[in-house]
Each structure stands twice: as structure tokens, then as C-alpha cells.
Protein backbone atom coordinates (compact mmCIF):
# COMPACT_ATOMS: atom_id res chain seq x y z
CA UNK A 1 -0.03 0.09 -0.05
CA UNK A 2 1.47 3.26 -1.24
CA UNK A 3 2.36 5.66 1.49
CA UNK A 4 0.11 8.97 1.84
CA UNK A 5 2.50 11.82 1.22
CA UNK A 6 2.84 14.43 3.84
CA UNK A 7 1.68 17.83 2.98
CA UNK A 8 2.97 20.83 4.17
CA UNK A 9 1.43 23.93 5.18
CA UNK A 10 2.22 27.19 3.39
CA UNK A 11 4.20 28.23 6.40
CA UNK A 12 6.16 25.08 6.35
CA UNK A 13 6.82 25.68 2.61
CA UNK A 14 7.87 29.36 3.10
CA UNK A 15 10.34 28.41 5.94
CA UNK A 16 11.71 25.59 3.58
CA UNK A 17 12.17 27.96 0.72
CA UNK A 18 13.87 30.59 3.00
CA UNK A 19 16.28 27.91 4.26
CA UNK A 20 17.26 26.54 0.82
CA UNK A 21 17.52 30.15 -0.53
CA UNK A 22 19.84 31.15 2.21
CA UNK A 23 22.10 28.12 2.04
CA UNK A 24 22.31 28.82 -1.97
CA UNK A 25 23.44 32.09 -1.03
CA UNK A 26 25.82 31.16 1.07
CA UNK A 27 27.37 28.76 -1.21
CA UNK A 28 27.64 31.26 -3.99
CA UNK A 29 29.17 33.77 -1.81
CA UNK A 30 31.79 31.05 -0.60
CA UNK A 31 32.43 29.55 -4.28
CA UNK A 32 32.37 32.72 -6.37
CA UNK A 33 35.58 34.40 -5.05
CA UNK A 34 37.49 30.86 -5.53
CA UNK A 35 36.17 30.90 -9.18
CA UNK A 36 37.11 34.54 -9.53
CA UNK A 37 40.50 33.68 -8.50
CA UNK A 38 40.81 30.69 -10.59
CA UNK A 39 39.56 32.69 -13.70
CA UNK A 40 42.24 35.38 -13.29
CA UNK A 41 45.07 33.12 -12.82
CA UNK A 42 44.28 31.39 -16.09
CA UNK A 43 43.36 34.31 -18.36
CA UNK A 44 45.43 35.81 -20.91
CA UNK A 45 47.68 38.58 -19.36
CA UNK A 46 46.63 41.09 -21.57
CA UNK A 47 42.91 40.74 -20.50
CA UNK A 48 43.53 40.31 -16.55
CA UNK A 49 43.62 44.32 -16.23
CA UNK A 50 39.87 44.62 -17.40
CA UNK A 51 38.33 41.55 -15.24
CA UNK A 52 36.44 42.56 -12.39
CA UNK A 53 35.64 40.71 -9.02
CA UNK A 54 32.45 39.15 -10.41
CA UNK A 55 34.29 37.36 -13.35
CA UNK A 56 34.13 33.49 -12.94
CA UNK A 57 35.22 32.39 -16.44
CA UNK A 58 38.72 33.06 -17.89
CA UNK A 59 39.18 35.70 -20.43
CA UNK A 60 41.26 33.94 -23.13
CA UNK A 61 43.55 31.16 -21.73
CA UNK A 62 47.01 31.32 -20.40
CA UNK A 63 48.55 28.46 -18.17
CA UNK A 64 51.73 30.75 -17.82
CA UNK A 65 51.06 31.79 -14.06
CA UNK A 66 50.72 28.17 -13.01
CA UNK A 67 53.49 27.04 -14.92
CA UNK A 68 55.65 29.98 -13.16
CA UNK A 69 54.49 29.17 -9.83
CA UNK A 70 54.86 25.40 -9.76
CA UNK A 71 58.35 25.53 -11.42
CA UNK A 72 59.76 28.13 -9.05
CA UNK A 73 62.30 26.90 -6.57
CA UNK A 74 61.03 29.22 -3.84
CA UNK A 75 57.47 28.08 -4.09
CA UNK A 76 58.41 24.42 -4.22
CA UNK A 77 60.33 24.65 -1.09
CA UNK A 78 57.44 26.51 0.38
CA UNK A 79 55.11 23.79 -0.21
CA UNK A 80 57.44 21.16 1.02
CA UNK A 81 58.19 23.11 4.09
CA UNK A 82 54.28 23.61 4.86
CA UNK A 83 53.66 20.09 4.37
CA UNK A 84 56.25 19.09 6.79
CA UNK A 85 55.46 21.62 9.32
CA UNK A 86 51.71 20.97 9.17
CA UNK A 87 51.67 17.44 9.35
CA UNK A 88 54.44 17.21 12.00
CA UNK A 89 52.58 19.60 14.06
CA UNK A 90 49.27 18.18 13.47
CA UNK A 91 50.70 14.49 14.49
CA UNK A 92 51.99 15.43 17.54
CA UNK A 93 49.28 17.96 18.50
CA UNK A 94 46.81 15.19 18.17
CA UNK A 95 48.85 12.67 19.93
CA UNK A 96 49.64 15.00 22.97
CA UNK A 97 46.17 16.29 23.13
CA UNK A 98 44.79 12.52 23.22
CA UNK A 99 47.33 11.73 26.07
CA UNK A 100 46.43 14.76 28.06
CA UNK A 101 42.64 14.80 27.46
CA UNK A 102 42.44 11.08 28.64
CA UNK A 103 44.21 11.78 31.94
CA UNK A 104 42.26 14.67 32.58
CA UNK A 105 38.97 12.90 31.79
CA UNK A 106 39.62 10.14 34.54
CA UNK A 107 37.85 11.14 37.59
CA UNK A 108 40.51 9.25 40.12
CA UNK A 109 43.36 11.57 38.59
CA UNK A 110 44.97 13.41 41.72
CA UNK A 111 44.76 17.23 41.17
CA UNK A 112 42.28 16.78 38.15
CA UNK A 113 40.25 19.94 38.90
CA UNK A 114 43.59 22.08 39.48
CA UNK A 115 44.92 20.90 36.26
CA UNK A 116 41.81 21.53 34.33
CA UNK A 117 41.71 25.26 35.64
CA UNK A 118 45.05 25.74 34.61
CA UNK A 119 44.20 24.57 31.05
CA UNK A 120 41.30 27.25 31.32
CA UNK A 121 43.67 29.89 32.44
CA UNK A 122 45.87 29.66 29.32
CA UNK A 123 42.81 30.40 27.32
CA UNK A 124 42.29 33.67 29.04
CA UNK A 125 45.94 34.51 29.49
CA UNK A 126 47.94 33.61 26.46
CA UNK A 127 51.64 34.72 26.66
CA UNK A 128 52.57 37.65 24.45
CA UNK A 129 55.14 37.44 21.49
CA UNK A 130 57.89 38.71 23.63
CA UNK A 131 58.31 36.32 26.22
CA UNK A 132 57.42 33.58 23.53
CA UNK A 133 60.57 34.77 21.53
CA UNK A 134 62.87 34.78 24.65
CA UNK A 135 61.73 31.08 25.65
CA UNK A 136 62.45 30.09 21.98
CA UNK A 137 65.56 31.94 22.12
CA UNK A 138 66.67 30.40 25.25
CA UNK A 139 65.68 26.85 24.20
CA UNK A 140 67.75 27.09 21.07
CA UNK A 141 64.73 26.94 18.56
CA UNK A 142 65.19 30.19 16.65
CA UNK A 143 65.82 29.45 12.83
CA UNK A 144 64.66 25.82 13.35
CA UNK A 145 61.61 23.78 12.34
CA UNK A 146 60.73 23.10 15.87
CA UNK A 147 59.84 26.73 16.61
CA UNK A 148 56.67 26.59 14.55
CA UNK A 149 56.03 23.07 15.00
CA UNK A 150 55.77 23.17 18.89
CA UNK A 151 53.59 26.24 18.71
CA UNK A 152 50.57 25.46 20.44
CA UNK A 153 51.34 21.80 20.66
CA UNK A 154 48.17 21.40 22.88
CA UNK A 155 45.45 23.76 22.17
CA UNK A 156 43.10 24.27 24.93
CA UNK A 157 39.91 24.28 23.13
CA UNK A 158 40.42 21.11 21.30
CA UNK A 159 41.28 19.54 24.55
CA UNK A 160 38.28 20.32 26.00
CA UNK A 161 36.49 18.97 23.06
CA UNK A 162 38.28 15.43 23.44
CA UNK A 163 37.96 15.57 27.61
CA UNK A 164 34.23 15.75 26.98
CA UNK A 165 34.31 12.98 24.51
CA UNK A 166 36.21 10.57 26.60
CA UNK A 167 33.97 11.28 29.53
CA UNK A 168 31.02 10.09 27.89
CA UNK A 169 32.64 6.62 27.09
CA UNK A 170 30.49 3.90 28.90
CA UNK A 171 32.49 3.02 32.22
CA UNK A 172 31.55 -0.49 31.59
CA UNK A 173 33.51 -0.79 28.53
CA UNK A 174 36.48 0.52 30.48
CA UNK A 175 35.85 -1.84 33.40
CA UNK A 176 35.22 -4.85 31.03
CA UNK A 177 38.70 -4.16 29.32
CA UNK A 178 40.41 -4.04 32.72
CA UNK A 179 38.91 -7.34 33.97
CA UNK A 180 40.20 -8.86 30.68
CA UNK A 181 43.56 -7.67 32.00
CA UNK A 182 44.28 -4.62 29.99
CA UNK A 183 46.58 -2.13 31.65
CA UNK A 184 45.65 1.50 31.64
CA UNK A 185 47.54 2.54 28.29
CA UNK A 186 46.07 -0.67 26.69
CA UNK A 187 42.67 0.53 27.84
CA UNK A 188 43.39 3.97 26.22
CA UNK A 189 44.73 2.48 23.12
CA UNK A 190 42.56 -0.44 22.31
CA UNK A 191 39.07 1.01 23.73
CA UNK A 192 39.20 4.77 24.12
CA UNK A 193 40.99 5.87 20.84
CA UNK A 194 38.93 3.58 18.66
CA UNK A 195 35.63 5.07 19.96
CA UNK A 196 36.93 8.48 20.04
CA UNK A 197 37.73 8.52 16.15
CA UNK A 198 34.99 11.36 15.27
CA UNK A 199 36.41 13.65 17.98
CA UNK A 200 39.99 12.64 16.76
CA UNK A 201 39.06 13.57 13.16
CA UNK A 202 37.39 16.73 14.16
CA UNK A 203 40.66 18.00 16.08
CA UNK A 204 43.07 16.77 13.36
CA UNK A 205 41.14 18.90 10.90
CA UNK A 206 41.29 21.69 13.15
CA UNK A 207 45.10 21.58 13.84
CA UNK A 208 45.68 21.02 10.17
CA UNK A 209 43.73 24.13 9.10
CA UNK A 210 45.63 26.22 12.09
CA UNK A 211 49.22 25.14 11.27
CA UNK A 212 48.80 25.27 7.61
CA UNK A 213 47.30 28.96 7.87
CA UNK A 214 50.12 30.07 10.50
CA UNK A 215 52.70 32.28 9.22
CA UNK A 216 53.27 34.75 12.05
CA UNK A 217 55.63 32.45 14.14
CA UNK A 218 57.51 31.39 11.01
CA UNK A 219 58.08 34.59 9.79
CA UNK A 220 59.74 35.60 13.10
CA UNK A 221 61.73 32.77 14.04
CA UNK A 222 62.67 31.67 10.76
CA UNK A 223 65.38 33.88 9.24
CA UNK A 224 66.68 31.21 6.33
CA UNK A 225 64.14 31.68 3.52
CA UNK A 226 64.72 27.88 2.45
CA UNK A 227 62.79 27.12 5.62
CA UNK A 228 59.80 29.36 4.69
CA UNK A 229 56.58 27.95 4.73
CA UNK A 230 54.35 28.68 1.65
CA UNK A 231 52.23 31.16 3.77
CA UNK A 232 55.47 33.30 4.52
CA UNK A 233 56.22 33.11 0.67
CA UNK A 234 52.75 34.30 -0.02
CA UNK A 235 52.73 37.07 2.45
CA UNK A 236 56.31 38.54 0.87
CA UNK A 237 54.74 38.30 -2.41
CA UNK A 238 51.04 39.00 -2.30
CA UNK A 239 51.08 41.65 0.87
CA UNK A 240 54.50 43.39 -0.13
CA UNK A 241 53.85 43.08 -3.93
CA UNK A 242 57.41 41.67 -4.57
CA UNK A 243 56.93 40.43 -8.14
CA UNK A 244 60.53 39.93 -8.50
CA UNK A 245 60.68 37.27 -5.90
CA UNK A 246 58.57 35.19 -8.09
CA UNK A 247 59.36 36.27 -11.62
CA UNK A 248 63.00 36.87 -11.09
CA UNK A 249 64.88 40.00 -11.79
CA UNK A 250 66.38 38.69 -15.03
CA UNK A 251 62.89 37.81 -16.60
CA UNK A 252 61.53 41.12 -15.30
CA UNK A 253 64.33 43.17 -16.98
CA UNK A 254 63.63 41.21 -20.31
CA UNK A 255 60.74 40.97 -22.59
CA UNK A 256 60.20 37.39 -22.01
CA UNK A 257 56.71 35.71 -21.16
CA UNK A 258 57.46 35.80 -17.54
CA UNK A 259 57.92 39.55 -17.49
CA UNK A 260 54.50 40.26 -19.03
CA UNK A 261 52.44 38.16 -16.55
CA UNK A 262 50.10 40.28 -14.52
CA UNK A 263 50.86 40.66 -11.01
CA UNK A 264 47.17 40.40 -10.00
CA UNK A 265 47.19 37.06 -11.63
CA UNK A 266 50.08 35.94 -9.92
CA UNK A 267 48.61 37.03 -6.63
CA UNK A 268 45.51 34.79 -7.77
CA UNK A 269 47.39 31.75 -8.15
CA UNK A 270 49.22 32.15 -5.15
CA UNK A 271 46.46 32.29 -2.98
CA UNK A 272 44.84 29.29 -4.68
CA UNK A 273 47.94 27.62 -4.15
CA UNK A 274 47.54 27.86 -0.53
CA UNK A 275 43.90 27.21 -0.50
CA UNK A 276 43.70 23.97 -2.16
CA UNK A 277 45.15 21.49 0.37
CA UNK A 278 42.50 22.49 2.84
CA UNK A 279 39.96 22.11 0.13
CA UNK A 280 41.30 18.76 -0.56
CA UNK A 281 41.72 17.37 2.98
CA UNK A 282 38.26 18.39 4.18
CA UNK A 283 35.98 16.10 2.12
CA UNK A 284 38.02 13.08 3.63
CA UNK A 285 36.98 13.74 7.10
CA UNK A 286 33.40 15.35 6.29
CA UNK A 287 31.72 12.36 7.71
CA UNK A 288 33.41 12.55 11.18
CA UNK A 289 33.05 16.19 11.30
CA UNK A 290 29.51 17.02 12.44
CA UNK A 291 29.50 14.00 14.90
CA UNK A 292 32.84 15.22 16.54
CA UNK A 293 31.98 18.86 16.73
CA UNK A 294 28.71 17.84 18.72
CA UNK A 295 30.55 15.59 20.97
CA UNK A 296 29.41 16.22 24.56
CA UNK A 297 26.68 18.74 23.63
CA UNK A 298 24.08 16.18 24.98
CA UNK A 299 24.67 13.67 27.73
CA UNK A 300 22.40 10.80 28.09
């Protein structure tokens, strides 16, 4: 027997139309700037000057911008450095955050409340750049990859998310594993971590995005340009408008194809180059994202 379709009232249909329209508007507002950057970076250099911020289709076609960026040694080193710093920071951050969250989620931990208050204090009273610089100098971390890697190794906000998730794991599961002879670390590794996959995927995304976009510490602590991440290269070129850094002085002084490339097209290509990795990794853990961010919101 066919089911009778549920009829919506005029008010419900209006609400549905408003929601769908709002979401479509937000999608357009998000995607349109990216398409504009892509169109500018792929357009013929002679046509870039006449393109406005609403253009989403290339005017002519020229891959020179992307060819120049991909082949440039500074950009190549920047991509490698960014991947290394971001992956190392994310792996260490997730590992130490999970270990600390598991300890603080255990009710029998001595001084648990005091330690948790110290975590909350770091959210309100974050150390300034000057003491941070002197600490890195005293530890001998200046001009090394460790300076940006160890920055905010454990983020207090992400730690709280994971603590709340661990607290909601049924105590019966933990007690059952202990009765089977598992030691505390085995309980954490074989029971807690597999159950915390949504939360771990969520904070992994948070750490990845944070460290990938971080440039200020790298700009201050890394004097060697060969160690600069892509974001510092991007700032040097986009913010300061240093075209010579990408094109090169010899090409700029000549009448070669590289010298004719529009600086606006180069900026668009560089910006997209820093955005693509984030856009690529997000769909991989999207299925965990909603569940992980809502962890701890309800407790039943």
C-alpha cells in the first residue's frame, strides 16, 4: 500500500524556501571568490586588467601563471616546508592532546580540577610574543623547524572537546577491558581511541587548518628563506607586492613571457595554491566532522 505523502502547510513551505535560498546564497558567496581567482590566474595576461571581482570565466586562456608558480624553487620549497611543518605539528598535537585529555577525563586523577583550571587559564591569559620569543631563543629553537612545530602543541579548546568525548565513554566498557587484564595504556589505546575517532578526526582538521594557515611565528623565528613555509612566501609576494621574488630580476628586465605576466594573476594563483590543500583534506574527514563537533553537547 502506497504511503500518503505528508502535505506541508504554506508556512512550512515558506520556511523551507527561505532555508534553501539562504544556503544557496551562502554557497554562491563562498564559491564565487574562488572561481574568480581561478579565472584571473588562467586568463590571458593582456585581459586580466579589465576583469572585475565578479568574473568567474577566464578571458582567454594562459597557463603561464601556474607554470611559473609550480616550477619556481621558492614556491616548491615553501610547499614542502608547509607540508612538513603542518603534518608534524598535527601528528604531535593530536597525540599529546589525546594523551592529556584521557588523563584529565579520569575522575580518579589526583589534582584533576586544579590541572583543568590551569588549562582554562591558558585560554584567557595567553603569553605575548616577546616572552614567547625569548623562550624559543633560550631553548635554541630560533631558525629551526621546531619553533613553528611546537607552537600551541596542545590547544586548550581542542583539549576540552576531547575531554568531553572521553567522559562520555561508558564506564562499563573500560571496566570490562580492565577485567580482561588490560593495563591503563591498553585501555586507552584499544578502547578509548577507537571510540573517539569522530572527535580525533575533528581536532585533526582543526590542527591541520591552524598550522597550515600560521605564518606569523614562522616569519619571526625563521630567518633562513629556505625554511619558509608557503604562507610566508605568499605574504612576501601578495602583501608586499614583491613580483621579483616570483618572476626573478632577469625575467623582469627582459621581454620574456614571464615578465609580461600580470601581478594580479600571480597573486590569484598564489592564493589558490595555499587554499587547495585545505579544500582537498576537508572532504576526507567530512563524515566525522558533524559528529565530532557535537560530541559532549548532549549527555544521556
